[in-house]
């Protein structure tokens, strides 16, 4: 998986459209694609005005299934953490919303993605961003230090989602909130899809049942867990949905 996303990072600076290999699949990027222009970010919910100033190396690395910053209702001065930050698109949008008194942190397991995001940060000219190499099952972030956690089509890839939500709860301040976009299942996947490496890269094979997903979040102590949106995920229509979830850590 690291090798796959390292290739995504490399090709994003070559002008390759990340959706060109998988149709509507955001997570899949092929090594055989030709450079291409794409309106993919807009198609999954990014406002054209918000992303208009971002360089191509940010947009080309966009590999999500929604726009969690659009539902995060970010406020100035808040600290935001993006789980699986990739080339940095959600970190940059969050950083603009929280302003110079706030901060946006991105964590990604792929060194090449972290390096890309840091180069992108220089291009964008934002100083209130911080990109850290690490795994979302063991976040390099202090206890109760974050106001908002966002994530875009990443948690489905984790082999230990229970640990991811446990870590999210740990680093959130009391009263903090979780706002994520992800892929969940509505029907059991055939074994041949489960075993297909490309289906893993397309954010399908690692997905779990929606009810189980929401139950894991609640089990960690989150309250007011609710779906903000749900729609069929085209690469696995009939089996999977793209959802946006909101959850809150109790104030006390």
C-alpha atoms as a PDB file:
ATOM      1  CA  UNK A   1       0.000   0.000   0.000  1.00  0.00           C
ATOM      2  CA  UNK A   2       2.855   2.395   0.802  1.00  0.00           C
ATOM      3  CA  UNK A   3       4.392   1.643  -2.592  1.00  0.00           C
ATOM      4  CA  UNK A   4       1.079   2.417  -4.285  1.00  0.00           C
ATOM      5  CA  UNK A   5       0.689   5.820  -2.639  1.00  0.00           C
ATOM      6  CA  UNK A   6       4.351   6.632  -3.127  1.00  0.00           C
ATOM      7  CA  UNK A   7       3.627   6.265  -6.840  1.00  0.00           C
ATOM      8  CA  UNK A   8       0.596   8.543  -6.474  1.00  0.00           C
ATOM      9  CA  UNK A   9       2.823  11.178  -4.865  1.00  0.00           C
ATOM     10  CA  UNK A  10       5.443  10.915  -7.582  1.00  0.00           C
ATOM     11  CA  UNK A  11       2.967  11.146 -10.435  1.00  0.00           C
ATOM     12  CA  UNK A  12       1.004  14.033  -8.935  1.00  0.00           C
ATOM     13  CA  UNK A  13       3.919  16.329  -9.723  1.00  0.00           C
ATOM     14  CA  UNK A  14       4.021  14.977 -13.272  1.00  0.00           C
ATOM     15  CA  UNK A  15       0.457  16.136 -13.930  1.00  0.00           C
ATOM     16  CA  UNK A  16      -1.224  12.734 -13.814  1.00  0.00           C
ATOM     17  CA  UNK A  17      -4.923  12.653 -13.027  1.00  0.00           C
ATOM     18  CA  UNK A  18      -5.404  10.224 -10.088  1.00  0.00           C
ATOM     19  CA  UNK A  19      -8.797   9.075 -11.321  1.00  0.00           C
ATOM     20  CA  UNK A  20      -7.697   8.193 -14.838  1.00  0.00           C
ATOM     21  CA  UNK A  21      -7.081   4.542 -14.113  1.00  0.00           C
ATOM     22  CA  UNK A  22     -10.203   3.806 -12.187  1.00  0.00           C
ATOM     23  CA  UNK A  23     -12.959   5.886 -13.653  1.00  0.00           C
ATOM     24  CA  UNK A  24     -14.754   7.326 -10.654  1.00  0.00           C
ATOM     25  CA  UNK A  25     -12.329   5.724  -8.235  1.00  0.00           C
ATOM     26  CA  UNK A  26     -10.502   8.329  -6.221  1.00  0.00           C
ATOM     27  CA  UNK A  27      -8.257   5.936  -4.409  1.00  0.00           C
ATOM     28  CA  UNK A  28      -6.892   4.123  -7.423  1.00  0.00           C
ATOM     29  CA  UNK A  29      -3.999   5.523  -9.387  1.00  0.00           C
ATOM     30  CA  UNK A  30      -2.372   3.569 -12.175  1.00  0.00           C
ATOM     31  CA  UNK A  31       1.268   3.658 -13.178  1.00  0.00           C
ATOM     32  CA  UNK A  32       0.232   3.605 -16.829  1.00  0.00           C
ATOM     33  CA  UNK A  33      -1.786   6.830 -16.948  1.00  0.00           C
ATOM     34  CA  UNK A  34      -0.895   9.733 -19.161  1.00  0.00           C
ATOM     35  CA  UNK A  35      -0.886  13.300 -17.795  1.00  0.00           C
ATOM     36  CA  UNK A  36      -4.423  14.679 -17.810  1.00  0.00           C
ATOM     37  CA  UNK A  37      -6.586  17.529 -16.619  1.00  0.00           C
ATOM     38  CA  UNK A  38      -9.434  16.606 -14.263  1.00  0.00           C
ATOM     39  CA  UNK A  39     -12.388  18.123 -12.458  1.00  0.00           C
ATOM     40  CA  UNK A  40     -12.336  15.204 -10.024  1.00  0.00           C
ATOM     41  CA  UNK A  41     -12.054  17.333  -6.832  1.00  0.00           C
ATOM     42  CA  UNK A  42     -15.208  19.236  -7.764  1.00  0.00           C
ATOM     43  CA  UNK A  43     -17.033  15.991  -8.512  1.00  0.00           C
ATOM     44  CA  UNK A  44     -16.617  14.783  -4.912  1.00  0.00           C
ATOM     45  CA  UNK A  45     -17.696  18.004  -3.256  1.00  0.00           C
ATOM     46  CA  UNK A  46     -14.876  20.546  -3.352  1.00  0.00           C
ATOM     47  CA  UNK A  47     -15.968  24.094  -4.095  1.00  0.00           C
ATOM     48  CA  UNK A  48     -14.242  25.425  -7.200  1.00  0.00           C
ATOM     49  CA  UNK A  49     -13.611  28.762  -5.518  1.00  0.00           C
ATOM     50  CA  UNK A  50     -11.897  27.093  -2.538  1.00  0.00           C
ATOM     51  CA  UNK A  51      -9.503  25.034  -4.636  1.00  0.00           C
ATOM     52  CA  UNK A  52      -8.869  27.525  -7.439  1.00  0.00           C
ATOM     53  CA  UNK A  53      -5.614  28.782  -5.915  1.00  0.00           C
ATOM     54  CA  UNK A  54      -4.136  25.366  -5.197  1.00  0.00           C
ATOM     55  CA  UNK A  55      -1.274  24.099  -7.412  1.00  0.00           C
ATOM     56  CA  UNK A  56      -1.724  21.098  -9.683  1.00  0.00           C
ATOM     57  CA  UNK A  57       0.559  19.006  -7.474  1.00  0.00           C
ATOM     58  CA  UNK A  58      -2.088  19.309  -4.740  1.00  0.00           C
ATOM     59  CA  UNK A  59      -5.106  18.655  -6.962  1.00  0.00           C
ATOM     60  CA  UNK A  60      -3.459  15.766  -8.818  1.00  0.00           C
ATOM     61  CA  UNK A  61      -2.838  13.989  -5.500  1.00  0.00           C
ATOM     62  CA  UNK A  62      -6.474  14.313  -4.436  1.00  0.00           C
ATOM     63  CA  UNK A  63      -7.547  10.761  -3.595  1.00  0.00           C
ATOM     64  CA  UNK A  64     -10.700  11.074  -1.571  1.00  0.00           C
ATOM     65  CA  UNK A  65     -14.399  10.273  -1.705  1.00  0.00           C
ATOM     66  CA  UNK A  66     -15.796  13.501  -0.291  1.00  0.00           C
ATOM     67  CA  UNK A  67     -14.892  16.857   1.200  1.00  0.00           C
ATOM     68  CA  UNK A  68     -14.718  16.552   5.004  1.00  0.00           C
ATOM     69  CA  UNK A  69     -13.675  20.191   5.452  1.00  0.00           C
ATOM     70  CA  UNK A  70     -17.046  21.187   3.991  1.00  0.00           C
ATOM     71  CA  UNK A  71     -18.880  19.500   6.866  1.00  0.00           C
ATOM     72  CA  UNK A  72     -16.377  20.243   9.622  1.00  0.00           C
ATOM     73  CA  UNK A  73     -17.750  23.755  10.258  1.00  0.00           C
ATOM     74  CA  UNK A  74     -14.275  24.878  11.207  1.00  0.00           C
ATOM     75  CA  UNK A  75     -13.782  27.964  13.302  1.00  0.00           C
ATOM     76  CA  UNK A  76     -10.899  30.393  13.539  1.00  0.00           C
ATOM     77  CA  UNK A  77      -8.234  29.388  16.036  1.00  0.00           C
ATOM     78  CA  UNK A  78      -9.037  25.670  16.033  1.00  0.00           C
ATOM     79  CA  UNK A  79      -6.484  22.871  15.690  1.00  0.00           C
ATOM     80  CA  UNK A  80      -7.442  20.391  12.959  1.00  0.00           C
ATOM     81  CA  UNK A  81      -5.945  16.948  12.339  1.00  0.00           C
ATOM     82  CA  UNK A  82      -6.261  15.137   8.990  1.00  0.00           C
ATOM     83  CA  UNK A  83      -5.859  11.349   9.123  1.00  0.00           C
ATOM     84  CA  UNK A  84      -4.126  10.201   5.935  1.00  0.00           C
ATOM     85  CA  UNK A  85      -3.389  13.671   4.580  1.00  0.00           C
ATOM     86  CA  UNK A  86      -1.816  12.680   1.254  1.00  0.00           C
ATOM     87  CA  UNK A  87      -0.753  15.652  -0.853  1.00  0.00           C
ATOM     88  CA  UNK A  88      -2.361  18.027   1.632  1.00  0.00           C
ATOM     89  CA  UNK A  89      -5.570  19.310   0.002  1.00  0.00           C
ATOM     90  CA  UNK A  90      -7.749  19.023   3.116  1.00  0.00           C
ATOM     91  CA  UNK A  91      -4.994  20.350   5.372  1.00  0.00           C
ATOM     92  CA  UNK A  92      -4.620  23.439   3.212  1.00  0.00           C
ATOM     93  CA  UNK A  93      -8.354  24.090   3.064  1.00  0.00           C
ATOM     94  CA  UNK A  94      -8.634  23.586   6.821  1.00  0.00           C
ATOM     95  CA  UNK A  95      -5.667  25.884   7.473  1.00  0.00           C
ATOM     96  CA  UNK A  96      -7.361  28.677   5.560  1.00  0.00           C
ATOM     97  CA  UNK A  97     -10.581  28.227   7.546  1.00  0.00           C
ATOM     98  CA  UNK A  98      -8.947  28.218  10.999  1.00  0.00           C
ATOM     99  CA  UNK A  99      -6.767  31.209  10.147  1.00  0.00           C
ATOM    100  CA  UNK A 100      -3.314  32.204  11.423  1.00  0.00           C
ATOM    101  CA  UNK A 101      -4.300  31.620  15.051  1.00  0.00           C
ATOM    102  CA  UNK A 102      -5.283  28.053  14.247  1.00  0.00           C
ATOM    103  CA  UNK A 103      -3.305  25.092  12.940  1.00  0.00           C
ATOM    104  CA  UNK A 104      -3.842  22.181  10.556  1.00  0.00           C
ATOM    105  CA  UNK A 105      -1.860  18.967  11.015  1.00  0.00           C
ATOM    106  CA  UNK A 106      -1.607  16.154   8.484  1.00  0.00           C
ATOM    107  CA  UNK A 107      -0.486  12.606   9.292  1.00  0.00           C
ATOM    108  CA  UNK A 108       0.384  10.125   6.563  1.00  0.00           C
ATOM    109  CA  UNK A 109       2.211   6.789   6.571  1.00  0.00           C
ATOM    110  CA  UNK A 110       3.927   7.344   3.219  1.00  0.00           C
ATOM    111  CA  UNK A 111       7.173   9.293   3.333  1.00  0.00           C
ATOM    112  CA  UNK A 112       6.821  10.377  -0.294  1.00  0.00           C
ATOM    113  CA  UNK A 113       3.401  11.859   0.449  1.00  0.00           C
ATOM    114  CA  UNK A 114       4.746  13.786   3.439  1.00  0.00           C
ATOM    115  CA  UNK A 115       7.573  15.166   1.323  1.00  0.00           C
ATOM    116  CA  UNK A 116       5.096  16.119  -1.420  1.00  0.00           C
ATOM    117  CA  UNK A 117       2.775  17.815   1.080  1.00  0.00           C
ATOM    118  CA  UNK A 118       5.645  19.828   2.542  1.00  0.00           C
ATOM    119  CA  UNK A 119       6.687  20.978  -0.917  1.00  0.00           C
ATOM    120  CA  UNK A 120       3.076  21.856  -1.644  1.00  0.00           C
ATOM    121  CA  UNK A 121       2.888  23.866   1.586  1.00  0.00           C
ATOM    122  CA  UNK A 122       5.743  26.052   0.341  1.00  0.00           C
ATOM    123  CA  UNK A 123       3.933  26.577  -2.953  1.00  0.00           C
ATOM    124  CA  UNK A 124       0.691  27.479  -1.200  1.00  0.00           C
ATOM    125  CA  UNK A 125       2.496  29.768   1.245  1.00  0.00           C
ATOM    126  CA  UNK A 126       0.698  28.629   4.396  1.00  0.00           C
ATOM    127  CA  UNK A 127       2.671  28.627   7.635  1.00  0.00           C
ATOM    128  CA  UNK A 128       0.013  27.228   9.963  1.00  0.00           C
ATOM    129  CA  UNK A 129       0.370  23.671   8.611  1.00  0.00           C
ATOM    130  CA  UNK A 130       2.373  20.720   9.887  1.00  0.00           C
ATOM    131  CA  UNK A 131       2.859  17.372   8.129  1.00  0.00           C
ATOM    132  CA  UNK A 132       3.978  14.388  10.219  1.00  0.00           C
ATOM    133  CA  UNK A 133       5.044  10.899   9.153  1.00  0.00           C
ATOM    134  CA  UNK A 134       3.124   8.268  11.085  1.00  0.00           C
ATOM    135  CA  UNK A 135       0.316   5.741  11.125  1.00  0.00           C
ATOM    136  CA  UNK A 136      -3.258   6.551  12.014  1.00  0.00           C
ATOM    137  CA  UNK A 137      -3.293   3.538  14.364  1.00  0.00           C
ATOM    138  CA  UNK A 138      -0.586   5.274  16.430  1.00  0.00           C
ATOM    139  CA  UNK A 139      -0.853   9.004  15.892  1.00  0.00           C
ATOM    140  CA  UNK A 140       2.218  11.207  16.512  1.00  0.00           C
ATOM    141  CA  UNK A 141      -0.052  13.688  18.279  1.00  0.00           C
ATOM    142  CA  UNK A 142      -0.444  14.548  21.971  1.00  0.00           C
ATOM    143  CA  UNK A 143      -3.405  13.658  24.164  1.00  0.00           C
ATOM    144  CA  UNK A 144      -6.384  16.025  23.990  1.00  0.00           C
ATOM    145  CA  UNK A 145      -4.565  18.463  21.711  1.00  0.00           C
ATOM    146  CA  UNK A 146      -6.915  18.644  18.702  1.00  0.00           C
ATOM    147  CA  UNK A 147     -10.289  20.355  18.257  1.00  0.00           C
ATOM    148  CA  UNK A 148     -11.380  18.616  15.047  1.00  0.00           C
ATOM    149  CA  UNK A 149     -10.369  15.429  13.233  1.00  0.00           C
ATOM    150  CA  UNK A 150     -11.066  15.068   9.519  1.00  0.00           C
ATOM    151  CA  UNK A 151     -10.264  12.171   7.200  1.00  0.00           C
ATOM    152  CA  UNK A 152     -11.009  11.509   3.554  1.00  0.00           C
ATOM    153  CA  UNK A 153     -11.400   7.932   2.347  1.00  0.00           C
ATOM    154  CA  UNK A 154      -8.501   6.588   4.425  1.00  0.00           C
ATOM    155  CA  UNK A 155      -9.826   4.726   7.467  1.00  0.00           C
ATOM    156  CA  UNK A 156     -11.248   1.982   5.222  1.00  0.00           C
ATOM    157  CA  UNK A 157      -7.644   1.115   4.328  1.00  0.00           C
ATOM    158  CA  UNK A 158      -6.609   0.498   7.940  1.00  0.00           C
ATOM    159  CA  UNK A 159      -6.342  -3.130   9.101  1.00  0.00           C
ATOM    160  CA  UNK A 160      -7.188  -2.000  12.660  1.00  0.00           C
ATOM    161  CA  UNK A 161     -10.063   0.473  12.507  1.00  0.00           C
ATOM    162  CA  UNK A 162     -10.800  -0.058  16.188  1.00  0.00           C
ATOM    163  CA  UNK A 163      -7.359   1.340  17.020  1.00  0.00           C
ATOM    164  CA  UNK A 164      -7.855   4.274  14.644  1.00  0.00           C
ATOM    165  CA  UNK A 165     -11.005   5.407  16.447  1.00  0.00           C
ATOM    166  CA  UNK A 166      -9.351   4.824  19.811  1.00  0.00           C
ATOM    167  CA  UNK A 167      -6.477   7.090  18.786  1.00  0.00           C
ATOM    168  CA  UNK A 168      -8.893   9.685  17.423  1.00  0.00           C
ATOM    169  CA  UNK A 169     -10.672   9.788  20.770  1.00  0.00           C
ATOM    170  CA  UNK A 170      -7.347  10.084  22.624  1.00  0.00           C
ATOM    171  CA  UNK A 171      -6.068  13.113  20.725  1.00  0.00           C
ATOM    172  CA  UNK A 172      -9.369  15.028  20.621  1.00  0.00           C
ATOM    173  CA  UNK A 173     -10.008  17.641  23.273  1.00  0.00           C
ATOM    174  CA  UNK A 174     -13.156  17.206  25.363  1.00  0.00           C
ATOM    175  CA  UNK A 175     -15.960  18.596  23.230  1.00  0.00           C
ATOM    176  CA  UNK A 176     -13.966  17.931  20.065  1.00  0.00           C
ATOM    177  CA  UNK A 177     -15.515  16.487  16.941  1.00  0.00           C
ATOM    178  CA  UNK A 178     -14.825  13.911  14.271  1.00  0.00           C
ATOM    179  CA  UNK A 179     -15.868  14.691  10.681  1.00  0.00           C
ATOM    180  CA  UNK A 180     -14.905  12.036   8.144  1.00  0.00           C
ATOM    181  CA  UNK A 181     -15.636  10.856   4.608  1.00  0.00           C
ATOM    182  CA  UNK A 182     -15.159   7.141   3.977  1.00  0.00           C
ATOM    183  CA  UNK A 183     -16.317   3.987   2.198  1.00  0.00           C
ATOM    184  CA  UNK A 184     -18.513   1.389   3.915  1.00  0.00           C
ATOM    185  CA  UNK A 185     -20.244  -1.758   2.735  1.00  0.00           C
ATOM    186  CA  UNK A 186     -23.943  -2.408   2.315  1.00  0.00           C
ATOM    187  CA  UNK A 187     -23.509  -5.966   1.031  1.00  0.00           C
ATOM    188  CA  UNK A 188     -20.982  -8.746   1.504  1.00  0.00           C
ATOM    189  CA  UNK A 189     -18.142  -8.586  -1.013  1.00  0.00           C
ATOM    190  CA  UNK A 190     -17.390 -11.646  -3.140  1.00  0.00           C
ATOM    191  CA  UNK A 191     -14.124 -13.288  -2.129  1.00  0.00           C
ATOM    192  CA  UNK A 192     -12.512 -12.522  -5.479  1.00  0.00           C
ATOM    193  CA  UNK A 193     -12.981  -8.798  -4.799  1.00  0.00           C
ATOM    194  CA  UNK A 194     -11.668  -9.158  -1.243  1.00  0.00           C
ATOM    195  CA  UNK A 195      -8.529 -10.807  -2.611  1.00  0.00           C
ATOM    196  CA  UNK A 196      -7.962  -8.323  -5.445  1.00  0.00           C
ATOM    197  CA  UNK A 197      -5.051  -5.908  -4.726  1.00  0.00           C
ATOM    198  CA  UNK A 198      -6.601  -3.324  -7.048  1.00  0.00           C
ATOM    199  CA  UNK A 199      -9.823  -3.428  -5.034  1.00  0.00           C
ATOM    200  CA  UNK A 200      -7.797  -2.603  -1.925  1.00  0.00           C
ATOM    201  CA  UNK A 201      -6.296   0.387  -3.698  1.00  0.00           C
ATOM    202  CA  UNK A 202      -9.778   1.442  -4.799  1.00  0.00           C
ATOM    203  CA  UNK A 203     -10.879   1.580  -1.136  1.00  0.00           C
ATOM    204  CA  UNK A 204     -13.236  -1.383  -1.518  1.00  0.00           C
ATOM    205  CA  UNK A 205     -11.656  -4.530  -0.066  1.00  0.00           C
ATOM    206  CA  UNK A 206     -10.787  -2.928   3.264  1.00  0.00           C
ATOM    207  CA  UNK A 207     -14.245  -1.452   3.811  1.00  0.00           C
ATOM    208  CA  UNK A 208     -16.533  -2.852   6.498  1.00  0.00           C
ATOM    209  CA  UNK A 209     -20.286  -2.896   7.061  1.00  0.00           C
ATOM    210  CA  UNK A 210     -21.783   0.526   7.780  1.00  0.00           C
ATOM    211  CA  UNK A 211     -23.424  -0.578  11.036  1.00  0.00           C
ATOM    212  CA  UNK A 212     -20.168  -2.110  12.290  1.00  0.00           C
ATOM    213  CA  UNK A 213     -18.282   1.058  11.328  1.00  0.00           C
ATOM    214  CA  UNK A 214     -20.626   3.313  13.298  1.00  0.00           C
ATOM    215  CA  UNK A 215     -20.661   0.865  16.211  1.00  0.00           C
ATOM    216  CA  UNK A 216     -16.853   1.054  16.448  1.00  0.00           C
ATOM    217  CA  UNK A 217     -17.047   4.841  16.716  1.00  0.00           C
ATOM    218  CA  UNK A 218     -19.693   4.707  19.448  1.00  0.00           C
ATOM    219  CA  UNK A 219     -17.765   2.036  21.355  1.00  0.00           C
ATOM    220  CA  UNK A 220     -14.863   4.429  21.863  1.00  0.00           C
ATOM    221  CA  UNK A 221     -17.068   6.881  23.707  1.00  0.00           C
ATOM    222  CA  UNK A 222     -18.124   9.193  20.876  1.00  0.00           C
ATOM    223  CA  UNK A 223     -21.631  10.625  21.133  1.00  0.00           C
ATOM    224  CA  UNK A 224     -24.127  12.059  18.634  1.00  0.00           C
ATOM    225  CA  UNK A 225     -22.768   9.786  15.909  1.00  0.00           C
ATOM    226  CA  UNK A 226     -24.697  10.381  12.712  1.00  0.00           C
ATOM    227  CA  UNK A 227     -24.512  10.127   8.945  1.00  0.00           C
ATOM    228  CA  UNK A 228     -24.384  13.509   7.243  1.00  0.00           C
ATOM    229  CA  UNK A 229     -24.624  11.982   3.767  1.00  0.00           C
ATOM    230  CA  UNK A 230     -24.574   8.650   1.936  1.00  0.00           C
ATOM    231  CA  UNK A 231     -24.412   7.790  -1.749  1.00  0.00           C
ATOM    232  CA  UNK A 232     -23.423   4.774  -3.883  1.00  0.00           C
ATOM    233  CA  UNK A 233     -19.690   4.364  -4.446  1.00  0.00           C
ATOM    234  CA  UNK A 234     -19.486   3.893  -8.202  1.00  0.00           C
ATOM    235  CA  UNK A 235     -16.477   1.500  -8.384  1.00  0.00           C
ATOM    236  CA  UNK A 236     -18.434  -0.928  -6.187  1.00  0.00           C
ATOM    237  CA  UNK A 237     -22.044   0.162  -6.696  1.00  0.00           C
ATOM    238  CA  UNK A 238     -24.397  -2.274  -5.065  1.00  0.00           C
ATOM    239  CA  UNK A 239     -21.763  -3.278  -2.543  1.00  0.00           C
ATOM    240  CA  UNK A 240     -20.414  -0.027  -1.086  1.00  0.00           C
ATOM    241  CA  UNK A 241     -21.400   3.533  -0.247  1.00  0.00           C
ATOM    242  CA  UNK A 242     -19.517   6.766   0.265  1.00  0.00           C
ATOM    243  CA  UNK A 243     -20.545   8.325   3.573  1.00  0.00           C
ATOM    244  CA  UNK A 244     -19.829  11.400   5.656  1.00  0.00           C
ATOM    245  CA  UNK A 245     -19.954  10.869   9.418  1.00  0.00           C
ATOM    246  CA  UNK A 246     -20.067  13.293  12.315  1.00  0.00           C
ATOM    247  CA  UNK A 247     -19.309  12.343  15.926  1.00  0.00           C
ATOM    248  CA  UNK A 248     -18.487  14.244  19.119  1.00  0.00           C
ATOM    249  CA  UNK A 249     -16.308  13.598  22.161  1.00  0.00           C
ATOM    250  CA  UNK A 250     -18.188  14.490  25.354  1.00  0.00           C
ATOM    251  CA  UNK A 251     -17.147  17.724  27.049  1.00  0.00           C
ATOM    252  CA  UNK A 252     -16.678  15.954  30.368  1.00  0.00           C
END
